[in-house]
Amino acid sequence: MVFDYIGKNLDKICIRSVENSNNILTKIAESDKSVIINSCKAAVEDYNYNRKSIIDTLAR
């Protein structure tokens, strides 16, 4: 799952734009990365708890 990968690796990886390799998409504040990581981990936990709830989880 993409959310699982992002939650585990966003603070370690460098994602570049497809259109322009000089544009680094992961060059954001650590506090913003933390929010994204925590949100991804929460979405994965919700999904693992109730696999039918992925639509509700993503809607939040």
Protein backbone atom coordinates (compact mmCIF):
# COMPACT_ATOMS: atom_id res chain seq x y z
CA MET A 1 0.00 0.00 0.00
CA VAL A 2 1.32 3.45 -0.90
CA PHE A 3 0.30 4.93 2.46
CA ASP A 4 2.32 2.28 4.27
CA TYR A 5 5.42 3.08 2.20
CA ILE A 6 5.05 6.84 2.69
CA GLY A 7 4.43 6.44 6.42
CA LYS A 8 7.58 4.38 6.83
CA ASN A 9 9.91 6.22 4.45
CA LEU A 10 8.94 9.85 3.83
CA ASP A 11 11.56 11.15 6.24
CA LYS A 12 14.29 9.15 4.42
CA ILE A 13 13.45 9.38 0.72
CA CYS A 14 13.78 12.01 -2.00
CA ILE A 15 10.89 12.22 -4.45
CA ARG A 16 11.50 14.23 -7.62
CA SER A 17 8.95 15.59 -10.04
CA VAL A 18 8.45 13.62 -13.25
CA GLU A 19 8.30 16.83 -15.29
CA ASN A 20 11.45 18.40 -13.81
CA SER A 21 14.00 16.33 -11.93
CA ASN A 22 15.35 19.48 -10.26
CA ASN A 23 12.00 19.89 -8.49
CA ILE A 24 12.22 17.90 -5.24
CA LEU A 25 8.71 17.18 -3.98
CA THR A 26 9.89 16.02 -0.55
CA LYS A 27 11.68 19.29 0.17
CA ILE A 28 9.15 20.39 2.78
CA ALA A 29 9.33 21.32 6.44
CA GLU A 30 9.95 18.48 8.89
CA SER A 31 6.75 19.41 10.72
CA ASP A 32 4.76 18.95 7.50
CA LYS A 33 6.47 15.62 6.86
CA SER A 34 5.53 14.54 10.36
CA VAL A 35 1.86 15.38 9.74
CA ILE A 36 1.89 13.41 6.48
CA ILE A 37 3.66 10.43 8.09
CA ASN A 38 1.24 10.34 11.01
CA SER A 39 -1.78 10.62 8.69
CA CYS A 40 -0.53 7.78 6.50
CA LYS A 41 0.15 5.56 9.50
CA ALA A 42 -3.32 6.30 10.89
CA ALA A 43 -4.93 5.45 7.53
CA VAL A 44 -3.06 2.13 7.42
CA GLU A 45 -4.05 1.32 11.01
CA ASP A 46 -7.71 2.12 10.25
CA TYR A 47 -7.57 -0.02 7.13
CA ASN A 48 -5.99 -2.95 8.97
CA TYR A 49 -8.63 -2.67 11.70
CA ASN A 50 -11.54 -2.70 9.25
CA ARG A 51 -10.58 -3.30 5.61
CA LYS A 52 -14.00 -2.22 4.39
CA SER A 53 -13.50 1.27 5.86
CA ILE A 54 -10.85 2.56 3.43
CA ILE A 55 -13.28 4.95 1.73
CA ASP A 56 -14.32 6.42 5.09
CA THR A 57 -10.67 6.65 6.14
CA LEU A 58 -9.65 8.53 2.99
CA ALA A 59 -12.60 10.90 3.25
CA ARG A 60 -11.25 12.35 6.53
